[in-house]
PDB file of N, CA and C in Angstrom:
ATOM      1  N   MET A   1      -4.827 -12.162  13.505  1.00  0.00           N
ATOM      2  CA  MET A   1      -3.693 -11.356  13.444  1.00  0.00           C
ATOM      3  C   MET A   1      -4.234  -9.907  13.411  1.00  0.00           C
ATOM      4  N   SER A   2      -3.656  -9.000  14.177  1.00  0.00           N
ATOM      5  CA  SER A   2      -4.066  -7.628  14.168  1.00  0.00           C
ATOM      6  C   SER A   2      -2.920  -6.721  13.755  1.00  0.00           C
ATOM      7  N   PHE A   3      -3.230  -5.586  13.208  1.00  0.00           N
ATOM      8  CA  PHE A   3      -2.244  -4.608  12.819  1.00  0.00           C
ATOM      9  C   PHE A   3      -2.451  -3.310  13.574  1.00  0.00           C
ATOM     10  N   ARG A   4      -1.373  -2.520  13.661  1.00  0.00           N
ATOM     11  CA  ARG A   4      -1.489  -1.192  14.228  1.00  0.00           C
ATOM     12  C   ARG A   4      -1.189  -0.148  13.171  1.00  0.00           C
ATOM     13  N   TRP A   5      -1.882   0.930  13.152  1.00  0.00           N
ATOM     14  CA  TRP A   5      -1.660   2.008  12.238  1.00  0.00           C
ATOM     15  C   TRP A   5      -0.342   2.690  12.592  1.00  0.00           C
ATOM     16  N   LYS A   6       0.447   3.001  11.589  1.00  0.00           N
ATOM     17  CA  LYS A   6       1.726   3.699  11.787  1.00  0.00           C
ATOM     18  C   LYS A   6       1.929   4.777  10.737  1.00  0.00           C
ATOM     19  N   LYS A   7       2.590   5.819  11.042  1.00  0.00           N
ATOM     20  CA  LYS A   7       2.807   6.878  10.096  1.00  0.00           C
ATOM     21  C   LYS A   7       4.052   6.551   9.212  1.00  0.00           C
ATOM     22  N   LYS A   8       4.869   5.595   9.675  1.00  0.00           N
ATOM     23  CA  LYS A   8       6.117   5.266   8.940  1.00  0.00           C
ATOM     24  C   LYS A   8       5.721   4.602   7.533  1.00  0.00           C
ATOM     25  N   THR A   9       6.330   5.135   6.550  1.00  0.00           N
ATOM     26  CA  THR A   9       6.126   4.630   5.191  1.00  0.00           C
ATOM     27  C   THR A   9       6.725   3.244   5.045  1.00  0.00           C
ATOM     28  N   PRO A  10       5.974   2.294   4.408  1.00  0.00           N
ATOM     29  CA  PRO A  10       6.550   1.025   4.184  1.00  0.00           C
ATOM     30  C   PRO A  10       7.920   1.017   3.511  1.00  0.00           C
ATOM     31  N   THR A  11       8.782   0.064   3.734  1.00  0.00           N
ATOM     32  CA  THR A  11      10.119   0.009   3.163  1.00  0.00           C
ATOM     33  C   THR A  11      10.340  -1.259   2.349  1.00  0.00           C
ATOM     34  N   ARG A  12       9.299  -2.060   2.166  1.00  0.00           N
ATOM     35  CA  ARG A  12       9.420  -3.276   1.276  1.00  0.00           C
ATOM     36  C   ARG A  12       8.124  -3.513   0.585  1.00  0.00           C
ATOM     37  N   PRO A  13       8.166  -4.219  -0.611  1.00  0.00           N
ATOM     38  CA  PRO A  13       6.978  -4.485  -1.331  1.00  0.00           C
ATOM     39  C   PRO A  13       5.985  -5.407  -0.487  1.00  0.00           C
ATOM     40  N   GLY A  14       4.739  -5.343  -0.873  1.00  0.00           N
ATOM     41  CA  GLY A  14       3.730  -6.228  -0.259  1.00  0.00           C
ATOM     42  C   GLY A  14       2.369  -5.509  -0.295  1.00  0.00           C
ATOM     43  N   TRP A  15       1.412  -6.163   0.418  1.00  0.00           N
ATOM     44  CA  TRP A  15       0.020  -5.617   0.537  1.00  0.00           C
ATOM     45  C   TRP A  15      -0.085  -4.911   1.876  1.00  0.00           C
ATOM     46  N   TYR A  16      -0.568  -3.691   1.846  1.00  0.00           N
ATOM     47  CA  TYR A  16      -0.750  -2.928   3.080  1.00  0.00           C
ATOM     48  C   TYR A  16      -2.099  -2.298   3.192  1.00  0.00           C
ATOM     49  N   TRP A  17      -2.563  -2.049   4.370  1.00  0.00           N
ATOM     50  CA  TRP A  17      -3.716  -1.196   4.636  1.00  0.00           C
ATOM     51  C   TRP A  17      -3.170   0.263   4.560  1.00  0.00           C
ATOM     52  N   LEU A  18      -3.938   1.112   3.955  1.00  0.00           N
ATOM     53  CA  LEU A  18      -3.606   2.588   3.881  1.00  0.00           C
ATOM     54  C   LEU A  18      -4.879   3.379   4.276  1.00  0.00           C
ATOM     55  N   ARG A  19      -4.620   4.282   5.215  1.00  0.00           N
ATOM     56  CA  ARG A  19      -5.752   5.176   5.671  1.00  0.00           C
ATOM     57  C   ARG A  19      -5.259   6.578   5.490  1.00  0.00           C
ATOM     58  N   THR A  20      -6.007   7.332   4.730  1.00  0.00           N
ATOM     59  CA  THR A  20      -5.736   8.779   4.480  1.00  0.00           C
ATOM     60  C   THR A  20      -6.917   9.598   4.950  1.00  0.00           C
ATOM     61  N   LYS A  21      -6.798  10.862   4.985  1.00  0.00           N
ATOM     62  CA  LYS A  21      -7.884  11.756   5.406  1.00  0.00           C
ATOM     63  C   LYS A  21      -8.943  11.800   4.369  1.00  0.00           C
ATOM     64  N   LYS A  22      -8.691  11.317   3.124  1.00  0.00           N
ATOM     65  CA  LYS A  22      -9.659  11.433   2.023  1.00  0.00           C
ATOM     66  C   LYS A  22     -10.812  10.359   1.952  1.00  0.00           C
ATOM     67  N   GLY A  23     -10.590   9.299   2.823  1.00  0.00           N
ATOM     68  CA  GLY A  23     -11.679   8.317   2.737  1.00  0.00           C
ATOM     69  C   GLY A  23     -11.413   7.083   3.628  1.00  0.00           C
ATOM     70  N   ASP A  24     -12.171   6.096   3.346  1.00  0.00           N
ATOM     71  CA  ASP A  24     -12.066   4.849   4.163  1.00  0.00           C
ATOM     72  C   ASP A  24     -10.712   4.121   3.841  1.00  0.00           C
ATOM     73  N   PRO A  25     -10.253   3.322   4.854  1.00  0.00           N
ATOM     74  CA  PRO A  25      -9.058   2.522   4.613  1.00  0.00           C
ATOM     75  C   PRO A  25      -9.207   1.606   3.490  1.00  0.00           C
ATOM     76  N   GLN A  26      -8.124   1.332   2.801  1.00  0.00           N
ATOM     77  CA  GLN A  26      -8.115   0.487   1.644  1.00  0.00           C
ATOM     78  C   GLN A  26      -6.859  -0.371   1.630  1.00  0.00           C
ATOM     79  N   ILE A  27      -6.907  -1.480   0.972  1.00  0.00           N
ATOM     80  CA  ILE A  27      -5.706  -2.368   0.845  1.00  0.00           C
ATOM     81  C   ILE A  27      -5.062  -1.976  -0.479  1.00  0.00           C
ATOM     82  N   VAL A  28      -3.739  -1.690  -0.462  1.00  0.00           N
ATOM     83  CA  VAL A  28      -3.039  -1.304  -1.698  1.00  0.00           C
ATOM     84  C   VAL A  28      -1.809  -2.203  -1.746  1.00  0.00           C
ATOM     85  N   GLU A  29      -1.322  -2.408  -3.000  1.00  0.00           N
ATOM     86  CA  GLU A  29      -0.164  -3.158  -3.193  1.00  0.00           C
ATOM     87  C   GLU A  29       1.067  -2.234  -3.503  1.00  0.00           C
ATOM     88  N   ILE A  30       2.109  -2.457  -2.750  1.00  0.00           N
ATOM     89  CA  ILE A  30       3.357  -1.711  -2.979  1.00  0.00           C
ATOM     90  C   ILE A  30       4.327  -2.604  -3.758  1.00  0.00           C
ATOM     91  N   VAL A  31       4.760  -2.028  -4.836  1.00  0.00           N
ATOM     92  CA  VAL A  31       5.665  -2.788  -5.737  1.00  0.00           C
ATOM     93  C   VAL A  31       6.988  -2.030  -5.928  1.00  0.00           C
ATOM     94  N   GLU A  32       8.039  -2.718  -6.238  1.00  0.00           N
ATOM     95  CA  GLU A  32       9.365  -2.096  -6.411  1.00  0.00           C
ATOM     96  C   GLU A  32       9.598  -1.997  -7.919  1.00  0.00           C
ATOM     97  N   ALA A  33       9.925  -0.784  -8.315  1.00  0.00           N
ATOM     98  CA  ALA A  33      10.217  -0.543  -9.745  1.00  0.00           C
ATOM     99  C   ALA A  33      11.339   0.514  -9.885  1.00  0.00           C
ATOM    100  N   GLU A  34      12.315   0.202 -10.638  1.00  0.00           N
ATOM    101  CA  GLU A  34      13.406   1.135 -10.870  1.00  0.00           C
ATOM    102  C   GLU A  34      13.995   1.664  -9.533  1.00  0.00           C
ATOM    103  N   TYR A  35      14.256   0.844  -8.580  1.00  0.00           N
ATOM    104  CA  TYR A  35      14.941   1.088  -7.319  1.00  0.00           C
ATOM    105  C   TYR A  35      14.124   2.009  -6.422  1.00  0.00           C
ATOM    106  N   ARG A  36      12.817   1.996  -6.535  1.00  0.00           N
ATOM    107  CA  ARG A  36      11.930   2.811  -5.670  1.00  0.00           C
ATOM    108  C   ARG A  36      10.623   2.067  -5.456  1.00  0.00           C
ATOM    109  N   LEU A  37       9.909   2.422  -4.447  1.00  0.00           N
ATOM    110  CA  LEU A  37       8.608   1.773  -4.123  1.00  0.00           C
ATOM    111  C   LEU A  37       7.460   2.584  -4.701  1.00  0.00           C
ATOM    112  N   LEU A  38       6.504   1.934  -5.287  1.00  0.00           N
ATOM    113  CA  LEU A  38       5.367   2.561  -5.879  1.00  0.00           C
ATOM    114  C   LEU A  38       4.076   1.912  -5.348  1.00  0.00           C
ATOM    115  N   ILE A  39       2.976   2.622  -5.325  1.00  0.00           N
ATOM    116  CA  ILE A  39       1.704   2.067  -4.975  1.00  0.00           C
ATOM    117  C   ILE A  39       0.989   1.724  -6.308  1.00  0.00           C
ATOM    118  N   GLN A  40       0.563   0.512  -6.465  1.00  0.00           N
ATOM    119  CA  GLN A  40      -0.156   0.060  -7.607  1.00  0.00           C
ATOM    120  C   GLN A  40      -1.625   0.341  -7.402  1.00  0.00           C
ATOM    121  N   ILE A  41      -2.248   1.136  -8.186  1.00  0.00           N
ATOM    122  CA  ILE A  41      -3.669   1.518  -8.020  1.00  0.00           C
ATOM    123  C   ILE A  41      -4.473   0.881  -9.220  1.00  0.00           C
ATOM    124  N   ARG A  42      -5.441   0.156  -8.883  1.00  0.00           N
ATOM    125  CA  ARG A  42      -6.304  -0.431  -9.969  1.00  0.00           C
ATOM    126  C   ARG A  42      -7.541   0.406 -10.058  1.00  0.00           C
ATOM    127  N   HIS A  43      -7.795   0.928 -11.259  1.00  0.00           N
ATOM    128  CA  HIS A  43      -8.980   1.803 -11.515  1.00  0.00           C
ATOM    129  C   HIS A  43     -10.169   0.881 -11.976  1.00  0.00           C
ATOM    130  N   ASP A  44     -10.114   0.477 -13.180  1.00  0.00           N
ATOM    131  CA  ASP A  44     -11.012  -0.450 -13.799  1.00  0.00           C
ATOM    132  C   ASP A  44     -10.171  -1.490 -14.477  1.00  0.00           C
ATOM    133  N   TYR A  45     -10.406  -2.760 -13.986  1.00  0.00           N
ATOM    134  CA  TYR A  45      -9.554  -3.812 -14.582  1.00  0.00           C
ATOM    135  C   TYR A  45      -9.588  -3.847 -16.078  1.00  0.00           C
ATOM    136  N   PRO A  46      -8.534  -3.877 -16.786  1.00  0.00           N
ATOM    137  CA  PRO A  46      -7.126  -4.156 -16.346  1.00  0.00           C
ATOM    138  C   PRO A  46      -6.331  -2.892 -16.141  1.00  0.00           C
ATOM    139  N   GLU A  47      -6.975  -1.720 -16.218  1.00  0.00           N
ATOM    140  CA  GLU A  47      -6.194  -0.456 -16.121  1.00  0.00           C
ATOM    141  C   GLU A  47      -5.556  -0.321 -14.776  1.00  0.00           C
ATOM    142  N   VAL A  48      -4.244  -0.025 -14.773  1.00  0.00           N
ATOM    143  CA  VAL A  48      -3.467   0.100 -13.539  1.00  0.00           C
ATOM    144  C   VAL A  48      -2.594   1.400 -13.664  1.00  0.00           C
ATOM    145  N   SER A  49      -2.404   2.105 -12.594  1.00  0.00           N
ATOM    146  CA  SER A  49      -1.449   3.187 -12.576  1.00  0.00           C
ATOM    147  C   SER A  49      -0.617   3.100 -11.327  1.00  0.00           C
ATOM    148  N   PHE A  50       0.505   3.860 -11.317  1.00  0.00           N
ATOM    149  CA  PHE A  50       1.493   3.728 -10.218  1.00  0.00           C
ATOM    150  C   PHE A  50       1.684   5.116  -9.645  1.00  0.00           C
ATOM    151  N   VAL A  51       1.796   5.290  -8.374  1.00  0.00           N
ATOM    152  CA  VAL A  51       2.023   6.501  -7.671  1.00  0.00           C
ATOM    153  C   VAL A  51       3.242   6.331  -6.794  1.00  0.00           C
ATOM    154  N   ASP A  52       4.133   7.290  -6.782  1.00  0.00           N
ATOM    155  CA  ASP A  52       5.311   7.275  -5.965  1.00  0.00           C
ATOM    156  C   ASP A  52       4.902   7.227  -4.518  1.00  0.00           C
ATOM    157  N   LEU A  53       5.414   6.316  -3.798  1.00  0.00           N
ATOM    158  CA  LEU A  53       5.141   6.145  -2.345  1.00  0.00           C
ATOM    159  C   LEU A  53       5.438   7.383  -1.499  1.00  0.00           C
ATOM    160  N   GLU A  54       6.542   8.145  -1.948  1.00  0.00           N
ATOM    161  CA  GLU A  54       6.884   9.317  -1.189  1.00  0.00           C
ATOM    162  C   GLU A  54       5.810  10.396  -1.193  1.00  0.00           C
ATOM    163  N   GLY A  55       4.907  10.343  -2.130  1.00  0.00           N
ATOM    164  CA  GLY A  55       3.908  11.381  -2.246  1.00  0.00           C
ATOM    165  C   GLY A  55       2.592  11.082  -1.404  1.00  0.00           C
ATOM    166  N   ILE A  56       2.577   9.916  -0.743  1.00  0.00           N
ATOM    167  CA  ILE A  56       1.363   9.572   0.005  1.00  0.00           C
ATOM    168  C   ILE A  56       1.461   9.974   1.462  1.00  0.00           C
ATOM    169  N   ASN A  57       0.477  10.687   1.937  1.00  0.00           N
ATOM    170  CA  ASN A  57       0.454  11.129   3.301  1.00  0.00           C
ATOM    171  C   ASN A  57      -0.665  10.296   3.992  1.00  0.00           C
ATOM    172  N   GLY A  58      -0.373   9.392   4.849  1.00  0.00           N
ATOM    173  CA  GLY A  58      -1.370   8.661   5.472  1.00  0.00           C
ATOM    174  C   GLY A  58      -0.746   7.731   6.568  1.00  0.00           C
ATOM    175  N   GLN A  59      -1.600   6.800   6.986  1.00  0.00           N
ATOM    176  CA  GLN A  59      -1.148   5.821   8.014  1.00  0.00           C
ATOM    177  C   GLN A  59      -1.197   4.434   7.392  1.00  0.00           C
ATOM    178  N   TRP A  60      -0.263   3.618   7.796  1.00  0.00           N
ATOM    179  CA  TRP A  60      -0.073   2.310   7.134  1.00  0.00           C
ATOM    180  C   TRP A  60      -0.096   1.182   8.174  1.00  0.00           C
ATOM    181  N   ALA A  61      -0.625   0.012   7.738  1.00  0.00           N
ATOM    182  CA  ALA A  61      -0.643  -1.194   8.500  1.00  0.00           C
ATOM    183  C   ALA A  61      -0.269  -2.347   7.677  1.00  0.00           C
ATOM    184  N   GLY A  62       0.682  -3.159   8.048  1.00  0.00           N
ATOM    185  CA  GLY A  62       1.061  -4.273   7.243  1.00  0.00           C
ATOM    186  C   GLY A  62       2.563  -4.519   7.331  1.00  0.00           C
ATOM    187  N   PRO A  63       3.119  -5.370   6.446  1.00  0.00           N
ATOM    188  CA  PRO A  63       2.432  -5.971   5.270  1.00  0.00           C
ATOM    189  C   PRO A  63       1.452  -7.094   5.653  1.00  0.00           C
ATOM    190  N   VAL A  64       0.473  -7.367   4.918  1.00  0.00           N
ATOM    191  CA  VAL A  64      -0.502  -8.369   5.080  1.00  0.00           C
ATOM    192  C   VAL A  64       0.078  -9.698   4.608  1.00  0.00           C
ATOM    193  N   PRO A  65       0.218 -10.678   5.466  1.00  0.00           N
ATOM    194  CA  PRO A  65       0.793 -11.990   5.074  1.00  0.00           C
ATOM    195  C   PRO A  65      -0.051 -12.752   4.106  1.00  0.00           C
ATOM    196  N   GLU A  66       0.567 -13.621   3.333  1.00  0.00           N
ATOM    197  CA  GLU A  66      -0.208 -14.483   2.453  1.00  0.00           C
ATOM    198  C   GLU A  66      -0.894 -15.576   3.355  1.00  0.00           C
ATOM    199  N   PRO A  67      -2.040 -16.024   2.941  1.00  0.00           N
ATOM    200  CA  PRO A  67      -2.766 -17.101   3.667  1.00  0.00           C
ATOM    201  C   PRO A  67      -1.959 -18.402   3.661  1.00  0.00           C
ATOM    202  N   GLU A  68      -2.166 -19.208   4.633  1.00  0.00           N
ATOM    203  CA  GLU A  68      -1.563 -20.557   4.653  1.00  0.00           C
ATOM    204  C   GLU A  68      -2.488 -21.496   3.999  1.00  0.00           C
ATOM    205  N   GLU A  69      -1.948 -22.526   3.453  1.00  0.00           N
ATOM    206  CA  GLU A  69      -2.749 -23.639   2.785  1.00  0.00           C
ATOM    207  C   GLU A  69      -3.553 -24.429   3.834  1.00  0.00           C
TER     208      GLU A  69
END
């Protein structure tokens, strides 16, 4: 399966590739909380923080599907 980079911000929860000007592409989890979408960022396990999706300027690819058994 291949993905294409898009500037359109994701509209549903899931795992996505994110590419910004600040660094290498990374996989991030988008979660729904209080009627909005947030990016869940893991710093040092178990520490987690959330960033509003609207504040992220980058390119997206996904969602990444779950593997089949």
